[in-house]
Amino acid sequence: MSETQPFVSNLQEIRRRAREHLEEGALTENYEGDVATTLKLLNDALATEIVCVLRYTSNSIAAVGIHSEAVKDEFAEHAREEQEHALRLAERINQLGGHANFNPEGLMERSSSQFVEGQTLVDMIRENLVAERIAIETYRDLVRFFAERDPTTRRLLEDILAKEEEHANDMHDLLVAHQGRPMLNN
């Protein structure tokens, strides 16, 4: 039978280290991630969210047709939620001592998503579903990458992932409603 070790921290040592390197803010000696890699990945995710805000906003304005009002409202709601994701990512970048890159130059190269507007209402819905599916896969990969290296970033990304899955489901439901046939294999 093996004995379990109790949780023991050397509080005196933790207190001593807490007084060192105050310029690093929330970053402490036991941060297990690579800060430069984390900042790059978070800035890429930020770029993706900005592209999604722009696409959803554009779609919410450009959508036309007899059945477009509810879809326009959904696009506008998603744009607001994607903006919230962007702000949360930017705040985490700041906490880690980085600079959130809101510069539009190079935005498409940093983003995993594309800016494809679509010509018809169904095209817009379809392109937003594609973008959400890209975001879902990207965030799942990021969650796995951060695992225990950076639990705070992982939890942030898990929260965003859950919302992206909700967005994909919304876009799928709209696509079914406007195409008149279910796409999911049941």
N, C-alpha and C. Protein backbone atom coordinates (compact mmCIF):
# COMPACT_ATOMS: atom_id res chain seq x y z
N MET A 1 0.84 -1.17 0.00
CA MET A 1 0.00 0.00 0.00
C MET A 1 0.89 1.25 0.00
N SER A 2 0.59 2.18 -0.88
CA SER A 2 1.41 3.39 -0.96
C SER A 2 0.76 4.52 -0.17
N GLU A 3 1.60 5.27 0.47
CA GLU A 3 1.11 6.41 1.22
C GLU A 3 0.97 7.60 0.28
N THR A 4 -0.08 8.35 0.45
CA THR A 4 -0.23 9.57 -0.34
C THR A 4 0.49 10.69 0.38
N GLN A 5 1.16 11.48 -0.39
CA GLN A 5 1.91 12.60 0.15
C GLN A 5 0.97 13.78 0.35
N PRO A 6 0.99 14.41 1.50
CA PRO A 6 0.15 15.60 1.71
C PRO A 6 0.70 16.76 0.88
N PHE A 7 -0.18 17.67 0.58
CA PHE A 7 0.23 18.88 -0.14
C PHE A 7 1.05 19.73 0.82
N VAL A 8 2.27 19.98 0.45
CA VAL A 8 3.16 20.79 1.28
C VAL A 8 3.83 21.82 0.41
N SER A 9 3.71 23.05 0.80
CA SER A 9 4.42 24.13 0.13
C SER A 9 5.33 24.79 1.15
N ASN A 10 6.44 25.23 0.68
CA ASN A 10 7.35 25.98 1.51
C ASN A 10 6.90 27.43 1.44
N LEU A 11 6.02 27.79 2.36
CA LEU A 11 5.44 29.14 2.31
C LEU A 11 6.48 30.23 2.49
N GLN A 12 7.48 29.98 3.27
CA GLN A 12 8.53 30.99 3.45
C GLN A 12 9.21 31.27 2.11
N GLU A 13 9.50 30.19 1.35
CA GLU A 13 10.15 30.35 0.04
C GLU A 13 9.21 31.04 -0.95
N ILE A 14 7.95 30.68 -0.95
CA ILE A 14 6.97 31.31 -1.84
C ILE A 14 6.88 32.80 -1.52
N ARG A 15 6.83 33.13 -0.25
CA ARG A 15 6.75 34.55 0.15
C ARG A 15 7.99 35.31 -0.28
N ARG A 16 9.16 34.66 -0.12
CA ARG A 16 10.41 35.31 -0.53
C ARG A 16 10.40 35.57 -2.04
N ARG A 17 10.05 34.54 -2.84
CA ARG A 17 10.05 34.68 -4.30
C ARG A 17 9.01 35.70 -4.77
N ALA A 18 7.91 35.82 -4.05
CA ALA A 18 6.85 36.76 -4.44
C ALA A 18 7.35 38.20 -4.45
N ARG A 19 8.36 38.48 -3.65
CA ARG A 19 8.92 39.83 -3.57
C ARG A 19 9.94 40.11 -4.67
N GLU A 20 10.36 39.06 -5.36
CA GLU A 20 11.32 39.22 -6.46
C GLU A 20 10.57 39.44 -7.77
N HIS A 21 11.15 40.14 -8.67
CA HIS A 21 10.65 40.30 -10.03
C HIS A 21 9.21 40.82 -10.07
N LEU A 22 8.91 41.80 -9.28
CA LEU A 22 7.57 42.37 -9.25
C LEU A 22 7.15 42.91 -10.61
N GLU A 23 8.14 43.28 -11.41
CA GLU A 23 7.83 43.81 -12.75
C GLU A 23 7.15 42.77 -13.64
N GLU A 24 7.19 41.50 -13.24
CA GLU A 24 6.58 40.44 -14.05
C GLU A 24 5.11 40.21 -13.70
N GLY A 25 4.58 40.99 -12.77
CA GLY A 25 3.15 40.92 -12.45
C GLY A 25 2.70 39.52 -12.05
N ALA A 26 1.74 38.97 -12.80
CA ALA A 26 1.16 37.66 -12.48
C ALA A 26 2.08 36.50 -12.81
N LEU A 27 3.10 36.74 -13.61
CA LEU A 27 4.02 35.67 -13.98
C LEU A 27 4.95 35.36 -12.81
N THR A 28 4.85 34.16 -12.30
CA THR A 28 5.72 33.75 -11.20
C THR A 28 6.64 32.64 -11.65
N GLU A 29 7.59 32.32 -10.80
CA GLU A 29 8.63 31.35 -11.12
C GLU A 29 8.08 29.99 -11.52
N ASN A 30 6.92 29.59 -10.99
CA ASN A 30 6.41 28.26 -11.28
C ASN A 30 5.49 28.20 -12.51
N TYR A 31 5.47 29.28 -13.31
CA TYR A 31 4.72 29.24 -14.57
C TYR A 31 5.41 28.22 -15.47
N GLU A 32 4.67 27.22 -15.93
CA GLU A 32 5.28 26.11 -16.67
C GLU A 32 5.24 26.27 -18.18
N GLY A 33 4.56 27.28 -18.67
CA GLY A 33 4.50 27.50 -20.11
C GLY A 33 5.69 28.29 -20.61
N ASP A 34 5.82 28.34 -21.91
CA ASP A 34 6.81 29.21 -22.53
C ASP A 34 6.08 30.51 -22.88
N VAL A 35 6.45 31.58 -22.22
CA VAL A 35 5.70 32.84 -22.35
C VAL A 35 5.64 33.31 -23.80
N ALA A 36 6.74 33.28 -24.52
CA ALA A 36 6.75 33.76 -25.90
C ALA A 36 5.79 32.94 -26.77
N THR A 37 5.79 31.63 -26.59
CA THR A 37 4.87 30.77 -27.36
C THR A 37 3.43 31.06 -26.98
N THR A 38 3.18 31.20 -25.69
CA THR A 38 1.83 31.50 -25.23
C THR A 38 1.33 32.80 -25.83
N LEU A 39 2.16 33.83 -25.80
CA LEU A 39 1.75 35.13 -26.33
C LEU A 39 1.47 35.06 -27.82
N LYS A 40 2.29 34.34 -28.56
CA LYS A 40 2.06 34.19 -29.99
C LYS A 40 0.73 33.48 -30.26
N LEU A 41 0.50 32.38 -29.56
CA LEU A 41 -0.73 31.62 -29.77
C LEU A 41 -1.96 32.43 -29.38
N LEU A 42 -1.86 33.17 -28.29
CA LEU A 42 -3.00 34.00 -27.88
C LEU A 42 -3.23 35.16 -28.84
N ASN A 43 -2.16 35.75 -29.37
CA ASN A 43 -2.33 36.81 -30.36
C ASN A 43 -2.93 36.27 -31.67
N ASP A 44 -2.57 35.04 -32.04
CA ASP A 44 -3.19 34.41 -33.22
C ASP A 44 -4.68 34.18 -32.97
N ALA A 45 -5.02 33.71 -31.76
CA ALA A 45 -6.43 33.52 -31.42
C ALA A 45 -7.16 34.86 -31.41
N LEU A 46 -6.50 35.90 -30.93
CA LEU A 46 -7.08 37.25 -30.94
C LEU A 46 -7.38 37.67 -32.38
N ALA A 47 -6.45 37.44 -33.28
CA ALA A 47 -6.67 37.79 -34.70
C ALA A 47 -7.87 37.03 -35.26
N THR A 48 -8.00 35.76 -34.90
CA THR A 48 -9.14 34.97 -35.36
C THR A 48 -10.44 35.58 -34.87
N GLU A 49 -10.47 35.97 -33.61
CA GLU A 49 -11.69 36.56 -33.05
C GLU A 49 -12.02 37.90 -33.74
N ILE A 50 -11.01 38.69 -34.02
CA ILE A 50 -11.24 39.97 -34.71
C ILE A 50 -11.83 39.72 -36.10
N VAL A 51 -11.30 38.75 -36.82
CA VAL A 51 -11.84 38.42 -38.14
C VAL A 51 -13.30 37.98 -38.02
N CYS A 52 -13.59 37.19 -36.99
CA CYS A 52 -14.97 36.74 -36.79
C CYS A 52 -15.90 37.91 -36.45
N VAL A 53 -15.42 38.85 -35.64
CA VAL A 53 -16.22 40.04 -35.35
C VAL A 53 -16.54 40.78 -36.65
N LEU A 54 -15.53 40.97 -37.48
CA LEU A 54 -15.71 41.70 -38.73
C LEU A 54 -16.68 40.97 -39.67
N ARG A 55 -16.53 39.67 -39.79
CA ARG A 55 -17.39 38.89 -40.69
C ARG A 55 -18.84 38.91 -40.21
N TYR A 56 -19.04 38.63 -38.93
CA TYR A 56 -20.41 38.63 -38.40
C TYR A 56 -21.04 40.01 -38.49
N THR A 57 -20.26 41.05 -38.22
CA THR A 57 -20.79 42.41 -38.30
C THR A 57 -21.17 42.73 -39.74
N SER A 58 -20.30 42.42 -40.66
CA SER A 58 -20.59 42.64 -42.08
C SER A 58 -21.85 41.90 -42.50
N ASN A 59 -21.95 40.65 -42.09
CA ASN A 59 -23.12 39.84 -42.44
C ASN A 59 -24.40 40.40 -41.81
N SER A 60 -24.29 40.91 -40.59
CA SER A 60 -25.49 41.43 -39.93
C SER A 60 -26.02 42.66 -40.64
N ILE A 61 -25.17 43.36 -41.34
CA ILE A 61 -25.59 44.54 -42.08
C ILE A 61 -26.02 44.18 -43.50
N ALA A 62 -25.30 43.25 -44.12
CA ALA A 62 -25.52 42.94 -45.54
C ALA A 62 -26.64 41.94 -45.80
N ALA A 63 -27.03 41.16 -44.80
CA ALA A 63 -28.06 40.13 -45.03
C ALA A 63 -29.37 40.78 -45.45
N VAL A 64 -29.95 40.24 -46.51
CA VAL A 64 -31.22 40.76 -47.01
C VAL A 64 -32.15 39.59 -47.32
N GLY A 65 -33.40 39.91 -47.43
CA GLY A 65 -34.39 38.91 -47.79
C GLY A 65 -35.51 38.87 -46.77
N ILE A 66 -36.57 38.22 -47.16
CA ILE A 66 -37.78 38.19 -46.34
C ILE A 66 -37.54 37.51 -44.98
N HIS A 67 -36.62 36.58 -44.93
CA HIS A 67 -36.35 35.85 -43.70
C HIS A 67 -35.04 36.29 -43.02
N SER A 68 -34.56 37.45 -43.36
CA SER A 68 -33.22 37.83 -42.90
C SER A 68 -33.18 38.47 -41.52
N GLU A 69 -34.25 39.04 -41.02
CA GLU A 69 -34.17 39.81 -39.77
C GLU A 69 -33.69 38.97 -38.59
N ALA A 70 -34.22 37.79 -38.41
CA ALA A 70 -33.79 36.94 -37.29
C ALA A 70 -32.33 36.53 -37.47
N VAL A 71 -31.94 36.26 -38.70
CA VAL A 71 -30.56 35.87 -38.97
C VAL A 71 -29.62 37.05 -38.72
N LYS A 72 -30.03 38.25 -39.15
CA LYS A 72 -29.23 39.44 -38.90
C LYS A 72 -29.01 39.64 -37.40
N ASP A 73 -30.08 39.43 -36.62
CA ASP A 73 -29.97 39.57 -35.17
C ASP A 73 -28.99 38.54 -34.59
N GLU A 74 -29.05 37.32 -35.11
CA GLU A 74 -28.13 36.27 -34.65
C GLU A 74 -26.69 36.62 -35.00
N PHE A 75 -26.47 37.11 -36.23
CA PHE A 75 -25.12 37.53 -36.63
C PHE A 75 -24.61 38.64 -35.70
N ALA A 76 -25.47 39.62 -35.40
CA ALA A 76 -25.06 40.74 -34.54
C ALA A 76 -24.73 40.25 -33.13
N GLU A 77 -25.52 39.32 -32.61
CA GLU A 77 -25.24 38.76 -31.28
C GLU A 77 -23.90 38.02 -31.27
N HIS A 78 -23.65 37.24 -32.31
CA HIS A 78 -22.39 36.52 -32.40
C HIS A 78 -21.21 37.49 -32.52
N ALA A 79 -21.39 38.57 -33.24
CA ALA A 79 -20.32 39.57 -33.36
C ALA A 79 -19.96 40.12 -31.98
N ARG A 80 -20.98 40.42 -31.16
CA ARG A 80 -20.73 40.93 -29.81
C ARG A 80 -20.01 39.89 -28.96
N GLU A 81 -20.41 38.64 -29.08
CA GLU A 81 -19.77 37.58 -28.29
C GLU A 81 -18.33 37.33 -28.74
N GLU A 82 -18.08 37.41 -30.04
CA GLU A 82 -16.72 37.25 -30.54
C GLU A 82 -15.85 38.43 -30.07
N GLN A 83 -16.43 39.61 -29.98
CA GLN A 83 -15.69 40.76 -29.47
C GLN A 83 -15.32 40.53 -28.00
N GLU A 84 -16.24 39.96 -27.24
CA GLU A 84 -15.95 39.65 -25.84
C GLU A 84 -14.80 38.64 -25.75
N HIS A 85 -14.79 37.64 -26.64
CA HIS A 85 -13.67 36.69 -26.67
C HIS A 85 -12.36 37.43 -26.92
N ALA A 86 -12.38 38.33 -27.88
CA ALA A 86 -11.17 39.09 -28.22
C ALA A 86 -10.67 39.87 -27.01
N LEU A 87 -11.57 40.51 -26.30
CA LEU A 87 -11.17 41.30 -25.13
C LEU A 87 -10.62 40.41 -24.02
N ARG A 88 -11.20 39.25 -23.83
CA ARG A 88 -10.70 38.33 -22.80
C ARG A 88 -9.31 37.82 -23.17
N LEU A 89 -9.10 37.51 -24.44
CA LEU A 89 -7.78 37.07 -24.89
C LEU A 89 -6.75 38.19 -24.71
N ALA A 90 -7.14 39.40 -25.07
CA ALA A 90 -6.24 40.55 -24.93
C ALA A 90 -5.87 40.77 -23.46
N GLU A 91 -6.82 40.63 -22.59
CA GLU A 91 -6.55 40.78 -21.16
C GLU A 91 -5.57 39.71 -20.67
N ARG A 92 -5.73 38.49 -21.13
CA ARG A 92 -4.79 37.42 -20.72
C ARG A 92 -3.39 37.71 -21.25
N ILE A 93 -3.31 38.19 -22.48
CA ILE A 93 -2.01 38.57 -23.05
C ILE A 93 -1.36 39.62 -22.16
N ASN A 94 -2.13 40.60 -21.75
CA ASN A 94 -1.64 41.66 -20.87
C ASN A 94 -1.17 41.09 -19.53
N GLN A 95 -1.94 40.16 -18.95
CA GLN A 95 -1.56 39.55 -17.67
C GLN A 95 -0.22 38.84 -17.76
N LEU A 96 0.08 38.29 -18.93
CA LEU A 96 1.33 37.56 -19.12
C LEU A 96 2.48 38.48 -19.54
N GLY A 97 2.22 39.78 -19.54
CA GLY A 97 3.27 40.75 -19.84
C GLY A 97 3.46 41.03 -21.31
N GLY A 98 2.50 40.59 -22.12
CA GLY A 98 2.61 40.79 -23.56
C GLY A 98 1.81 41.98 -24.04
N HIS A 99 1.82 42.16 -25.34
CA HIS A 99 1.09 43.25 -26.00
C HIS A 99 0.06 42.62 -26.94
N ALA A 100 -1.21 42.90 -26.71
CA ALA A 100 -2.27 42.39 -27.57
C ALA A 100 -2.18 43.07 -28.93
N ASN A 101 -2.08 42.27 -29.98
CA ASN A 101 -1.88 42.80 -31.33
C ASN A 101 -3.22 43.02 -32.02
N PHE A 102 -3.69 44.27 -31.97
CA PHE A 102 -4.93 44.65 -32.66
C PHE A 102 -4.64 45.28 -34.02
N ASN A 103 -3.40 45.30 -34.42
CA ASN A 103 -3.02 45.93 -35.68
C ASN A 103 -3.66 45.18 -36.85
N PRO A 104 -4.40 45.89 -37.72
CA PRO A 104 -5.02 45.20 -38.85
C PRO A 104 -4.00 44.68 -39.87
N GLU A 105 -2.81 45.24 -39.87
CA GLU A 105 -1.79 44.76 -40.81
C GLU A 105 -1.40 43.33 -40.43
N GLY A 106 -1.51 42.43 -41.37
CA GLY A 106 -1.17 41.04 -41.14
C GLY A 106 -2.25 40.24 -40.43
N LEU A 107 -3.40 40.84 -40.23
CA LEU A 107 -4.49 40.20 -39.50
C LEU A 107 -4.87 38.84 -40.10
N MET A 108 -5.01 38.79 -41.41
CA MET A 108 -5.43 37.54 -42.06
C MET A 108 -4.36 36.45 -41.95
N GLU A 109 -3.10 36.84 -41.91
CA GLU A 109 -2.03 35.85 -41.77
C GLU A 109 -1.99 35.27 -40.36
N ARG A 110 -2.39 36.07 -39.37
CA ARG A 110 -2.38 35.60 -37.98
C ARG A 110 -3.63 34.79 -37.63
N SER A 111 -4.70 35.02 -38.36
CA SER A 111 -5.99 34.39 -38.06
C SER A 111 -6.09 32.99 -38.64
N SER A 112 -6.68 32.08 -37.87
CA SER A 112 -6.95 30.75 -38.43
C SER A 112 -8.21 30.77 -39.28
N SER A 113 -9.08 31.72 -39.05
CA SER A 113 -10.32 31.86 -39.81
C SER A 113 -10.11 32.75 -41.03
N GLN A 114 -11.00 32.63 -41.96
CA GLN A 114 -10.94 33.46 -43.16
C GLN A 114 -12.10 34.46 -43.15
N PHE A 115 -11.97 35.47 -43.96
CA PHE A 115 -13.04 36.45 -44.10
C PHE A 115 -13.72 36.20 -45.44
N VAL A 116 -14.71 35.32 -45.41
CA VAL A 116 -15.50 35.02 -46.60
C VAL A 116 -16.93 35.46 -46.28
N GLU A 117 -17.39 36.47 -46.99
CA GLU A 117 -18.68 37.07 -46.65
C GLU A 117 -19.88 36.25 -47.10
N GLY A 118 -19.82 35.66 -48.27
CA GLY A 118 -20.99 34.98 -48.82
C GLY A 118 -21.88 35.96 -49.55
N GLN A 119 -22.47 35.50 -50.63
CA GLN A 119 -23.31 36.38 -51.45
C GLN A 119 -24.78 36.35 -51.05
N THR A 120 -25.24 35.18 -50.61
CA THR A 120 -26.65 35.03 -50.22
C THR A 120 -26.72 34.78 -48.72
N LEU A 121 -27.91 34.83 -48.18
CA LEU A 121 -28.10 34.58 -46.76
C LEU A 121 -27.59 33.18 -46.39
N VAL A 122 -27.92 32.19 -47.20
CA VAL A 122 -27.46 30.82 -46.94
C VAL A 122 -25.94 30.74 -47.03
N ASP A 123 -25.35 31.42 -48.00
CA ASP A 123 -23.88 31.44 -48.11
C ASP A 123 -23.25 32.04 -46.85
N MET A 124 -23.84 33.13 -46.34
CA MET A 124 -23.32 33.77 -45.13
C MET A 124 -23.38 32.81 -43.95
N ILE A 125 -24.50 32.16 -43.80
CA ILE A 125 -24.66 31.21 -42.70
C ILE A 125 -23.63 30.08 -42.85
N ARG A 126 -23.51 29.55 -44.04
CA ARG A 126 -22.57 28.46 -44.30
C ARG A 126 -21.12 28.88 -43.98
N GLU A 127 -20.73 30.06 -44.43
CA GLU A 127 -19.36 30.53 -44.17
C GLU A 127 -19.11 30.76 -42.69
N ASN A 128 -20.12 31.22 -41.98
CA ASN A 128 -19.96 31.39 -40.53
C ASN A 128 -19.87 30.04 -39.84
N LEU A 129 -20.61 29.04 -40.32
CA LEU A 129 -20.49 27.69 -39.77
C LEU A 129 -19.09 27.13 -40.02
N VAL A 130 -18.57 27.33 -41.22
CA VAL A 130 -17.20 26.89 -41.54
C VAL A 130 -16.21 27.55 -40.58
N ALA A 131 -16.35 28.86 -40.39
CA ALA A 131 -15.44 29.60 -39.51
C ALA A 131 -15.53 29.10 -38.07
N GLU A 132 -16.73 28.81 -37.62
CA GLU A 132 -16.89 28.29 -36.25
C GLU A 132 -16.25 26.92 -36.11
N ARG A 133 -16.38 26.09 -37.14
CA ARG A 133 -15.76 24.76 -37.09
C ARG A 133 -14.22 24.87 -37.05
N ILE A 134 -13.67 25.83 -37.78
CA ILE A 134 -12.23 26.08 -37.73
C ILE A 134 -11.83 26.52 -36.31
N ALA A 135 -12.61 27.44 -35.75
CA ALA A 135 -12.32 27.93 -34.40
C ALA A 135 -12.40 26.79 -33.38
N ILE A 136 -13.39 25.93 -33.51
CA ILE A 136 -13.55 24.81 -32.58
C ILE A 136 -12.32 23.92 -32.60
N GLU A 137 -11.89 23.53 -33.78
CA GLU A 137 -10.71 22.66 -33.87
C GLU A 137 -9.47 23.35 -33.32
N THR A 138 -9.31 24.62 -33.65
CA THR A 138 -8.15 25.37 -33.17
C THR A 138 -8.15 25.48 -31.65
N TYR A 139 -9.30 25.84 -31.08
CA TYR A 139 -9.37 25.97 -29.62
C TYR A 139 -9.18 24.62 -28.93
N ARG A 140 -9.72 23.55 -29.48
CA ARG A 140 -9.49 22.23 -28.88
C ARG A 140 -8.00 21.91 -28.86
N ASP A 141 -7.31 22.18 -29.96
CA ASP A 141 -5.86 21.95 -30.01
C ASP A 141 -5.14 22.80 -28.97
N LEU A 142 -5.56 24.06 -28.83
CA LEU A 142 -4.93 24.94 -27.84
C LEU A 142 -5.18 24.46 -26.42
N VAL A 143 -6.40 24.01 -26.14
CA VAL A 143 -6.72 23.49 -24.81
C VAL A 143 -5.80 22.31 -24.48
N ARG A 144 -5.64 21.40 -25.44
CA ARG A 144 -4.75 20.25 -25.23
C ARG A 144 -3.30 20.72 -25.02
N PHE A 145 -2.88 21.70 -25.81
CA PHE A 145 -1.51 22.20 -25.71
C PHE A 145 -1.23 22.78 -24.32
N PHE A 146 -2.15 23.60 -23.82
CA PHE A 146 -1.91 24.27 -22.55
C PHE A 146 -2.13 23.35 -21.36
N ALA A 147 -3.00 22.38 -21.48
CA ALA A 147 -3.27 21.37 -20.45
C ALA A 147 -2.89 21.87 -19.06
N GLU A 148 -1.81 21.34 -18.51
CA GLU A 148 -1.37 21.73 -17.18
C GLU A 148 -0.26 22.79 -17.20
N ARG A 149 0.24 23.13 -18.39
CA ARG A 149 1.30 24.14 -18.48
C ARG A 149 0.82 25.50 -18.00
N ASP A 150 -0.45 25.80 -18.33
CA ASP A 150 -1.01 27.11 -18.01
C ASP A 150 -2.51 26.93 -17.83
N PRO A 151 -2.94 26.51 -16.62
CA PRO A 151 -4.36 26.23 -16.41
C PRO A 151 -5.26 27.45 -16.56
N THR A 152 -4.77 28.63 -16.27
CA THR A 152 -5.60 29.83 -16.42
C THR A 152 -5.93 30.06 -17.89
N THR A 153 -4.92 29.98 -18.75
CA THR A 153 -5.15 30.14 -20.18
C THR A 153 -6.02 29.00 -20.71
N ARG A 154 -5.77 27.80 -20.24
CA ARG A 154 -6.58 26.65 -20.67
C ARG A 154 -8.05 26.88 -20.35
N ARG A 155 -8.34 27.32 -19.13
CA ARG A 155 -9.75 27.54 -18.75
C ARG A 155 -10.38 28.65 -19.59
N LEU A 156 -9.64 29.70 -19.85
CA LEU A 156 -10.14 30.77 -20.72
C LEU A 156 -10.50 30.19 -22.09
N LEU A 157 -9.59 29.40 -22.65
CA LEU A 157 -9.83 28.82 -23.97
C LEU A 157 -10.98 27.82 -23.94
N GLU A 158 -11.14 27.09 -22.84
CA GLU A 158 -12.27 26.17 -22.72
C GLU A 158 -13.59 26.93 -22.73
N ASP A 159 -13.63 28.07 -22.04
CA ASP A 159 -14.84 28.91 -22.04
C ASP A 159 -15.16 29.40 -23.44
N ILE A 160 -14.16 29.87 -24.14
CA ILE A 160 -14.37 30.36 -25.51
C ILE A 160 -14.78 29.21 -26.41
N LEU A 161 -14.15 28.05 -26.27
CA LEU A 161 -14.50 26.87 -27.06
C LEU A 161 -15.97 26.52 -26.89
N ALA A 162 -16.46 26.52 -25.66
CA ALA A 162 -17.87 26.20 -25.42
C ALA A 162 -18.79 27.17 -26.17
N LYS A 163 -18.43 28.44 -26.19
CA LYS A 163 -19.25 29.43 -26.90
C LYS A 163 -19.16 29.23 -28.41
N GLU A 164 -17.97 28.87 -28.91
CA GLU A 164 -17.83 28.61 -30.35
C GLU A 164 -18.66 27.40 -30.77
N GLU A 165 -18.72 26.39 -29.90
CA GLU A 165 -19.57 25.22 -30.20
C GLU A 165 -21.03 25.63 -30.25
N GLU A 166 -21.43 26.51 -29.34
CA GLU A 166 -22.80 27.03 -29.35
C GLU A 166 -23.07 27.80 -30.64
N HIS A 167 -22.10 28.62 -31.05
CA HIS A 167 -22.25 29.38 -32.30
C HIS A 167 -22.39 28.44 -33.49
N ALA A 168 -21.57 27.40 -33.53
CA ALA A 168 -21.65 26.44 -34.64
C ALA A 168 -23.02 25.77 -34.67
N ASN A 169 -23.53 25.44 -33.50
CA ASN A 169 -24.86 24.83 -33.44
C ASN A 169 -25.93 25.81 -33.94
N ASP A 170 -25.80 27.07 -33.54
CA ASP A 170 -26.75 28.10 -34.02
C ASP A 170 -26.70 28.22 -35.54
N MET A 171 -25.49 28.27 -36.10
CA MET A 171 -25.34 28.39 -37.55
C MET A 171 -25.88 27.14 -38.25
N HIS A 172 -25.65 25.99 -37.67
CA HIS A 172 -26.18 24.75 -38.25
C HIS A 172 -27.70 24.79 -38.26
N ASP A 173 -28.30 25.20 -37.14
CA ASP A 173 -29.76 25.29 -37.07
C ASP A 173 -30.31 26.26 -38.10
N LEU A 174 -29.64 27.40 -38.26
CA LEU A 174 -30.08 28.37 -39.27
C LEU A 174 -29.93 27.81 -40.67
N LEU A 175 -28.87 27.10 -40.92
CA LEU A 175 -28.66 26.50 -42.24
C LEU A 175 -29.75 25.48 -42.53
N VAL A 176 -30.09 24.66 -41.56
CA VAL A 176 -31.16 23.68 -41.73
C VAL A 176 -32.48 24.40 -42.01
N ALA A 177 -32.75 25.43 -41.23
CA ALA A 177 -34.00 26.18 -41.39
C ALA A 177 -34.11 26.83 -42.76
N HIS A 178 -33.00 27.31 -43.29
CA HIS A 178 -33.04 28.03 -44.56
C HIS A 178 -32.81 27.14 -45.77
N GLN A 179 -32.29 25.94 -45.55
CA GLN A 179 -32.15 25.00 -46.66
C GLN A 179 -33.25 23.95 -46.64
N GLY A 180 -33.93 23.83 -45.50
CA GLY A 180 -35.05 22.92 -45.42
C GLY A 180 -34.68 21.45 -45.26
N ARG A 181 -33.45 21.14 -44.95
CA ARG A 181 -33.08 19.74 -44.74
C ARG A 181 -32.01 19.66 -43.66
N PRO A 182 -32.13 18.66 -42.80
CA PRO A 182 -31.11 18.49 -41.76
C PRO A 182 -29.79 18.05 -42.36
N MET A 183 -28.70 18.52 -41.76
CA MET A 183 -27.38 18.16 -42.27
C MET A 183 -26.68 17.17 -41.36
N LEU A 184 -27.08 17.14 -40.09
CA LEU A 184 -26.43 16.23 -39.14
C LEU A 184 -26.88 14.80 -39.41
N ASN A 185 -25.96 13.87 -39.33
CA ASN A 185 -26.31 12.46 -39.44
C ASN A 185 -26.73 11.97 -38.07
N ASN A 186 -27.98 11.56 -37.96
CA ASN A 186 -28.49 11.07 -36.66
C ASN A 186 -28.56 9.57 -36.67
